[in-house]
Amino acid sequence: PLASGLDKLVSLAPLLLVDEFAWERIDE
């Protein structure tokens, strides 16, 4: 689950750096 995963991550480190993609933005 995303919420508990992020809760653990935020408890481990004060700075988060992310590389992601917005698959739902793939339009026609």
PDB file of all heavy atoms in Angstrom:
ATOM      1  N   PRO A   1       0.828  -1.209   0.000  1.00  0.00           N
ATOM      2  CA  PRO A   1       0.000   0.000   0.000  1.00  0.00           C
ATOM      3  C   PRO A   1       0.865   1.264   0.000  1.00  0.00           C
ATOM      4  O   PRO A   1       1.870   1.321   0.721  1.00  0.00           O
ATOM      5  CB  PRO A   1      -0.826  -0.122   1.279  1.00  0.00           C
ATOM      6  CG  PRO A   1      -0.017  -1.000   2.170  1.00  0.00           C
ATOM      7  CD  PRO A   1       0.747  -1.930   1.284  1.00  0.00           C
ATOM      8  N   LEU A   2       0.449   2.239  -0.764  1.00  0.00           N
ATOM      9  CA  LEU A   2       1.254   3.439  -0.965  1.00  0.00           C
ATOM     10  C   LEU A   2       1.399   4.256   0.311  1.00  0.00           C
ATOM     11  O   LEU A   2       2.495   4.692   0.654  1.00  0.00           O
ATOM     12  CB  LEU A   2       0.643   4.294  -2.071  1.00  0.00           C
ATOM     13  CG  LEU A   2       1.352   5.617  -2.380  1.00  0.00           C
ATOM     14  CD1 LEU A   2       2.782   5.375  -2.825  1.00  0.00           C
ATOM     15  CD2 LEU A   2       0.580   6.399  -3.444  1.00  0.00           C
ATOM     16  N   ALA A   3       0.302   4.477   1.033  1.00  0.00           N
ATOM     17  CA  ALA A   3       0.340   5.354   2.203  1.00  0.00           C
ATOM     18  C   ALA A   3       1.314   4.832   3.251  1.00  0.00           C
ATOM     19  O   ALA A   3       2.146   5.588   3.772  1.00  0.00           O
ATOM     20  CB  ALA A   3      -1.055   5.510   2.792  1.00  0.00           C
ATOM     21  N   SER A   4       1.235   3.558   3.576  1.00  0.00           N
ATOM     22  CA  SER A   4       2.132   3.024   4.607  1.00  0.00           C
ATOM     23  C   SER A   4       3.568   2.980   4.115  1.00  0.00           C
ATOM     24  O   SER A   4       4.512   3.165   4.900  1.00  0.00           O
ATOM     25  CB  SER A   4       1.668   1.638   5.048  1.00  0.00           C
ATOM     26  OG  SER A   4       1.687   0.718   3.970  1.00  0.00           O
ATOM     27  N   GLY A   5       3.765   2.750   2.817  1.00  0.00           N
ATOM     28  CA  GLY A   5       5.113   2.771   2.264  1.00  0.00           C
ATOM     29  C   GLY A   5       5.742   4.147   2.386  1.00  0.00           C
ATOM     30  O   GLY A   5       6.908   4.280   2.781  1.00  0.00           O
ATOM     31  N   LEU A   6       4.974   5.187   2.071  1.00  0.00           N
ATOM     32  CA  LEU A   6       5.492   6.547   2.196  1.00  0.00           C
ATOM     33  C   LEU A   6       5.667   6.947   3.658  1.00  0.00           C
ATOM     34  O   LEU A   6       6.586   7.694   4.002  1.00  0.00           O
ATOM     35  CB  LEU A   6       4.579   7.531   1.478  1.00  0.00           C
ATOM     36  CG  LEU A   6       4.563   7.436  -0.050  1.00  0.00           C
ATOM     37  CD1 LEU A   6       3.585   8.450  -0.635  1.00  0.00           C
ATOM     38  CD2 LEU A   6       5.951   7.644  -0.632  1.00  0.00           C
ATOM     39  N   ASP A   7       4.788   6.441   4.535  1.00  0.00           N
ATOM     40  CA  ASP A   7       4.960   6.709   5.962  1.00  0.00           C
ATOM     41  C   ASP A   7       6.297   6.162   6.446  1.00  0.00           C
ATOM     42  O   ASP A   7       7.011   6.819   7.217  1.00  0.00           O
ATOM     43  CB  ASP A   7       3.820   6.075   6.766  1.00  0.00           C
ATOM     44  CG  ASP A   7       2.518   6.838   6.649  1.00  0.00           C
ATOM     45  OD1 ASP A   7       2.541   8.005   6.218  1.00  0.00           O
ATOM     46  OD2 ASP A   7       1.465   6.260   6.994  1.00  0.00           O
ATOM     47  N   LYS A   8       6.643   4.964   6.003  1.00  0.00           N
ATOM     48  CA  LYS A   8       7.927   4.390   6.411  1.00  0.00           C
ATOM     49  C   LYS A   8       9.075   5.179   5.810  1.00  0.00           C
ATOM     50  O   LYS A   8      10.067   5.461   6.488  1.00  0.00           O
ATOM     51  CB  LYS A   8       8.012   2.927   5.989  1.00  0.00           C
ATOM     52  CG  LYS A   8       9.315   2.260   6.427  1.00  0.00           C
ATOM     53  CD  LYS A   8       9.302   0.763   6.242  1.00  0.00           C
ATOM     54  CE  LYS A   8      10.575   0.144   6.805  1.00  0.00           C
ATOM     55  NZ  LYS A   8      10.569  -1.334   6.691  1.00  0.00           N
ATOM     56  N   LEU A   9       8.942   5.551   4.562  1.00  0.00           N
ATOM     57  CA  LEU A   9      10.016   6.280   3.886  1.00  0.00           C
ATOM     58  C   LEU A   9      10.264   7.627   4.554  1.00  0.00           C
ATOM     59  O   LEU A   9      11.415   8.016   4.789  1.00  0.00           O
ATOM     60  CB  LEU A   9       9.648   6.464   2.407  1.00  0.00           C
ATOM     61  CG  LEU A   9      10.751   6.874   1.433  1.00  0.00           C
ATOM     62  CD1 LEU A   9      11.932   5.922   1.518  1.00  0.00           C
ATOM     63  CD2 LEU A   9      10.197   6.908   0.013  1.00  0.00           C
ATOM     64  N   VAL A  10       9.201   8.335   4.882  1.00  0.00           N
ATOM     65  CA  VAL A  10       9.366   9.660   5.491  1.00  0.00           C
ATOM     66  C   VAL A  10       9.932   9.547   6.903  1.00  0.00           C
ATOM     67  O   VAL A  10      10.591  10.464   7.399  1.00  0.00           O
ATOM     68  CB  VAL A  10       8.034  10.442   5.476  1.00  0.00           C
ATOM     69  CG1 VAL A  10       7.090   9.962   6.560  1.00  0.00           C
ATOM     70  CG2 VAL A  10       8.270  11.950   5.611  1.00  0.00           C
ATOM     71  N   SER A  11       9.709   8.404   7.558  1.00  0.00           N
ATOM     72  CA  SER A  11      10.278   8.204   8.894  1.00  0.00           C
ATOM     73  C   SER A  11      11.773   7.913   8.830  1.00  0.00           C
ATOM     74  O   SER A  11      12.493   8.126   9.807  1.00  0.00           O
ATOM     75  CB  SER A  11       9.565   7.048   9.607  1.00  0.00           C
ATOM     76  OG  SER A  11       9.936   5.780   9.069  1.00  0.00           O
ATOM     77  N   LEU A  12      12.250   7.427   7.678  1.00  0.00           N
ATOM     78  CA  LEU A  12      13.656   7.042   7.547  1.00  0.00           C
ATOM     79  C   LEU A  12      14.552   8.187   7.094  1.00  0.00           C
ATOM     80  O   LEU A  12      15.728   8.231   7.454  1.00  0.00           O
ATOM     81  CB  LEU A  12      13.782   5.889   6.541  1.00  0.00           C
ATOM     82  CG  LEU A  12      13.237   4.536   6.975  1.00  0.00           C
ATOM     83  CD1 LEU A  12      13.258   3.559   5.808  1.00  0.00           C
ATOM     84  CD2 LEU A  12      14.034   3.981   8.147  1.00  0.00           C
ATOM     85  N   ALA A  13      14.008   9.103   6.282  1.00  0.00           N
ATOM     86  CA  ALA A  13      14.861  10.147   5.697  1.00  0.00           C
ATOM     87  C   ALA A  13      14.086  11.452   5.539  1.00  0.00           C
ATOM     88  O   ALA A  13      12.923  11.425   5.111  1.00  0.00           O
ATOM     89  CB  ALA A  13      15.397   9.697   4.340  1.00  0.00           C
ATOM     90  N   PRO A  14      14.687  12.596   5.832  1.00  0.00           N
ATOM     91  CA  PRO A  14      13.985  13.877   5.737  1.00  0.00           C
ATOM     92  C   PRO A  14      13.902  14.460   4.328  1.00  0.00           C
ATOM     93  O   PRO A  14      13.137  15.387   4.084  1.00  0.00           O
ATOM     94  CB  PRO A  14      14.819  14.794   6.630  1.00  0.00           C
ATOM     95  CG  PRO A  14      16.204  14.229   6.545  1.00  0.00           C
ATOM     96  CD  PRO A  14      16.035  12.743   6.435  1.00  0.00           C
ATOM     97  N   LEU A  15      14.704  13.929   3.402  1.00  0.00           N
ATOM     98  CA  LEU A  15      14.736  14.437   2.031  1.00  0.00           C
ATOM     99  C   LEU A  15      14.439  13.292   1.079  1.00  0.00           C
ATOM    100  O   LEU A  15      15.025  12.210   1.193  1.00  0.00           O
ATOM    101  CB  LEU A  15      16.128  15.007   1.717  1.00  0.00           C
ATOM    102  CG  LEU A  15      16.435  15.374   0.264  1.00  0.00           C
ATOM    103  CD1 LEU A  15      15.550  16.527  -0.214  1.00  0.00           C
ATOM    104  CD2 LEU A  15      17.917  15.727   0.098  1.00  0.00           C
ATOM    105  N   LEU A  16      13.524  13.512   0.140  1.00  0.00           N
ATOM    106  CA  LEU A  16      13.163  12.488  -0.840  1.00  0.00           C
ATOM    107  C   LEU A  16      13.325  13.042  -2.247  1.00  0.00           C
ATOM    108  O   LEU A  16      12.824  14.129  -2.559  1.00  0.00           O
ATOM    109  CB  LEU A  16      11.718  12.029  -0.640  1.00  0.00           C
ATOM    110  CG  LEU A  16      11.201  10.985  -1.642  1.00  0.00           C
ATOM    111  CD1 LEU A  16      12.011   9.694  -1.548  1.00  0.00           C
ATOM    112  CD2 LEU A  16       9.720  10.720  -1.416  1.00  0.00           C
ATOM    113  N   LEU A  17      13.995  12.280  -3.095  1.00  0.00           N
ATOM    114  CA  LEU A  17      14.220  12.640  -4.492  1.00  0.00           C
ATOM    115  C   LEU A  17      13.615  11.552  -5.365  1.00  0.00           C
ATOM    116  O   LEU A  17      13.909  10.366  -5.187  1.00  0.00           O
ATOM    117  CB  LEU A  17      15.720  12.782  -4.753  1.00  0.00           C
ATOM    118  CG  LEU A  17      16.413  13.782  -3.822  1.00  0.00           C
ATOM    119  CD1 LEU A  17      17.920  13.649  -3.905  1.00  0.00           C
ATOM    120  CD2 LEU A  17      15.982  15.209  -4.146  1.00  0.00           C
ATOM    121  N   VAL A  18      12.780  11.953  -6.313  1.00  0.00           N
ATOM    122  CA  VAL A  18      11.954  11.008  -7.053  1.00  0.00           C
ATOM    123  C   VAL A  18      12.085  11.225  -8.548  1.00  0.00           C
ATOM    124  O   VAL A  18      12.118  12.366  -9.024  1.00  0.00           O
ATOM    125  CB  VAL A  18      10.465  11.161  -6.642  1.00  0.00           C
ATOM    126  CG1 VAL A  18       9.560  10.288  -7.510  1.00  0.00           C
ATOM    127  CG2 VAL A  18      10.284  10.827  -5.166  1.00  0.00           C
ATOM    128  N   ASP A  19      12.136  10.120  -9.277  1.00  0.00           N
ATOM    129  CA  ASP A  19      12.030  10.138 -10.742  1.00  0.00           C
ATOM    130  C   ASP A  19      10.833   9.265 -11.085  1.00  0.00           C
ATOM    131  O   ASP A  19      10.795   8.086 -10.701  1.00  0.00           O
ATOM    132  CB  ASP A  19      13.316   9.576 -11.364  1.00  0.00           C
ATOM    133  CG  ASP A  19      13.340   9.697 -12.873  1.00  0.00           C
ATOM    134  OD1 ASP A  19      12.780  10.667 -13.401  1.00  0.00           O
ATOM    135  OD2 ASP A  19      13.930   8.817 -13.533  1.00  0.00           O
ATOM    136  N   GLU A  20       9.829   9.822 -11.768  1.00  0.00           N
ATOM    137  CA  GLU A  20       8.594   9.084 -11.997  1.00  0.00           C
ATOM    138  C   GLU A  20       8.018   9.378 -13.379  1.00  0.00           C
ATOM    139  O   GLU A  20       8.573  10.158 -14.143  1.00  0.00           O
ATOM    140  CB  GLU A  20       7.559   9.449 -10.931  1.00  0.00           C
ATOM    141  CG  GLU A  20       7.557   8.529  -9.718  1.00  0.00           C
ATOM    142  CD  GLU A  20       7.131   7.099 -10.060  1.00  0.00           C
ATOM    143  OE1 GLU A  20       6.585   6.862 -11.168  1.00  0.00           O
ATOM    144  OE2 GLU A  20       7.360   6.219  -9.219  1.00  0.00           O
ATOM    145  N   PHE A  21       6.905   8.704 -13.675  1.00  0.00           N
ATOM    146  CA  PHE A  21       6.204   9.013 -14.915  1.00  0.00           C
ATOM    147  C   PHE A  21       4.703   9.001 -14.691  1.00  0.00           C
ATOM    148  O   PHE A  21       4.181   8.287 -13.843  1.00  0.00           O
ATOM    149  CB  PHE A  21       6.626   8.062 -16.031  1.00  0.00           C
ATOM    150  CG  PHE A  21       5.938   6.725 -16.046  1.00  0.00           C
ATOM    151  CD1 PHE A  21       5.207   6.329 -17.160  1.00  0.00           C
ATOM    152  CD2 PHE A  21       6.054   5.838 -14.985  1.00  0.00           C
ATOM    153  CE1 PHE A  21       4.594   5.097 -17.196  1.00  0.00           C
ATOM    154  CE2 PHE A  21       5.452   4.601 -15.017  1.00  0.00           C
ATOM    155  CZ  PHE A  21       4.710   4.225 -16.132  1.00  0.00           C
ATOM    156  N   ALA A  22       4.043   9.863 -15.459  1.00  0.00           N
ATOM    157  CA  ALA A  22       2.603  10.056 -15.340  1.00  0.00           C
ATOM    158  C   ALA A  22       1.922   9.324 -16.486  1.00  0.00           C
ATOM    159  O   ALA A  22       1.568   9.923 -17.501  1.00  0.00           O
ATOM    160  CB  ALA A  22       2.268  11.545 -15.356  1.00  0.00           C
ATOM    161  N   TRP A  23       1.748   8.025 -16.300  1.00  0.00           N
ATOM    162  CA  TRP A  23       1.197   7.210 -17.392  1.00  0.00           C
ATOM    163  C   TRP A  23      -0.203   7.662 -17.788  1.00  0.00           C
ATOM    164  O   TRP A  23      -0.608   7.514 -18.945  1.00  0.00           O
ATOM    165  CB  TRP A  23       1.176   5.737 -16.973  1.00  0.00           C
ATOM    166  CG  TRP A  23       0.416   5.469 -15.708  1.00  0.00           C
ATOM    167  CD1 TRP A  23       0.912   5.445 -14.442  1.00  0.00           C
ATOM    168  CD2 TRP A  23      -0.986   5.202 -15.599  1.00  0.00           C
ATOM    169  NE1 TRP A  23      -0.086   5.193 -13.529  1.00  0.00           N
ATOM    170  CE2 TRP A  23      -1.265   5.029 -14.210  1.00  0.00           C
ATOM    171  CE3 TRP A  23      -2.029   5.100 -16.509  1.00  0.00           C
ATOM    172  CZ2 TRP A  23      -2.554   4.758 -13.739  1.00  0.00           C
ATOM    173  CZ3 TRP A  23      -3.321   4.831 -16.038  1.00  0.00           C
ATOM    174  CH2 TRP A  23      -3.555   4.658 -14.672  1.00  0.00           C
ATOM    175  N   GLU A  24      -0.941   8.245 -16.837  1.00  0.00           N
ATOM    176  CA  GLU A  24      -2.310   8.661 -17.149  1.00  0.00           C
ATOM    177  C   GLU A  24      -2.348   9.889 -18.047  1.00  0.00           C
ATOM    178  O   GLU A  24      -3.395  10.242 -18.585  1.00  0.00           O
ATOM    179  CB  GLU A  24      -3.093   8.913 -15.852  1.00  0.00           C
ATOM    180  CG  GLU A  24      -2.807  10.231 -15.160  1.00  0.00           C
ATOM    181  CD  GLU A  24      -1.525  10.226 -14.336  1.00  0.00           C
ATOM    182  OE1 GLU A  24      -0.853   9.170 -14.280  1.00  0.00           O
ATOM    183  OE2 GLU A  24      -1.196  11.281 -13.743  1.00  0.00           O
ATOM    184  N   ARG A  25      -1.197  10.554 -18.227  1.00  0.00           N
ATOM    185  CA  ARG A  25      -1.117  11.722 -19.111  1.00  0.00           C
ATOM    186  C   ARG A  25      -0.861  11.338 -20.580  1.00  0.00           C
ATOM    187  O   ARG A  25      -0.759  12.208 -21.427  1.00  0.00           O
ATOM    188  CB  ARG A  25      -0.013  12.668 -18.629  1.00  0.00           C
ATOM    189  CG  ARG A  25      -0.376  13.404 -17.347  1.00  0.00           C
ATOM    190  CD  ARG A  25       0.834  14.104 -16.731  1.00  0.00           C
ATOM    191  NE  ARG A  25       1.432  15.091 -17.614  1.00  0.00           N
ATOM    192  CZ  ARG A  25       1.121  16.389 -17.635  1.00  0.00           C
ATOM    193  NH1 ARG A  25       0.187  16.841 -16.818  1.00  0.00           N
ATOM    194  NH2 ARG A  25       1.741  17.223 -18.444  1.00  0.00           N
ATOM    195  N   ILE A  26      -0.748  10.052 -20.836  1.00  0.00           N
ATOM    196  CA  ILE A  26      -0.550   9.617 -22.229  1.00  0.00           C
ATOM    197  C   ILE A  26      -1.883   9.772 -22.958  1.00  0.00           C
ATOM    198  O   ILE A  26      -2.773   8.922 -22.888  1.00  0.00           O
ATOM    199  CB  ILE A  26      -0.058   8.161 -22.307  1.00  0.00           C
ATOM    200  CG1 ILE A  26       1.232   7.990 -21.501  1.00  0.00           C
ATOM    201  CG2 ILE A  26       0.169   7.757 -23.768  1.00  0.00           C
ATOM    202  CD1 ILE A  26       1.745   6.554 -21.435  1.00  0.00           C
ATOM    203  N   ASP A  27      -2.042  10.887 -23.647  1.00  0.00           N
ATOM    204  CA  ASP A  27      -3.282  11.148 -24.368  1.00  0.00           C
ATOM    205  C   ASP A  27      -3.182  10.622 -25.800  1.00  0.00           C
ATOM    206  O   ASP A  27      -2.185   9.988 -26.185  1.00  0.00           O
ATOM    207  CB  ASP A  27      -3.627  12.638 -24.338  1.00  0.00           C
ATOM    208  CG  ASP A  27      -2.526  13.512 -24.929  1.00  0.00           C
ATOM    209  OD1 ASP A  27      -1.608  12.983 -25.601  1.00  0.00           O
ATOM    210  OD2 ASP A  27      -2.589  14.747 -24.740  1.00  0.00           O
ATOM    211  N   GLU A  28      -4.211  10.890 -26.601  1.00  0.00           N
ATOM    212  CA  GLU A  28      -4.240  10.343 -27.963  1.00  0.00           C
ATOM    213  C   GLU A  28      -3.081  10.839 -28.825  1.00  0.00           C
ATOM    214  O   GLU A  28      -2.428  10.028 -29.512  1.00  0.00           O
ATOM    215  CB  GLU A  28      -5.582  10.680 -28.627  1.00  0.00           C
ATOM    216  CG  GLU A  28      -5.739  10.041 -29.999  1.00  0.00           C
ATOM    217  CD  GLU A  28      -7.120  10.289 -30.590  1.00  0.00           C
ATOM    218  OE1 GLU A  28      -8.025  10.687 -29.842  1.00  0.00           O
ATOM    219  OE2 GLU A  28      -7.277  10.078 -31.812  1.00  0.00           O
TER     220      GLU A  28
END
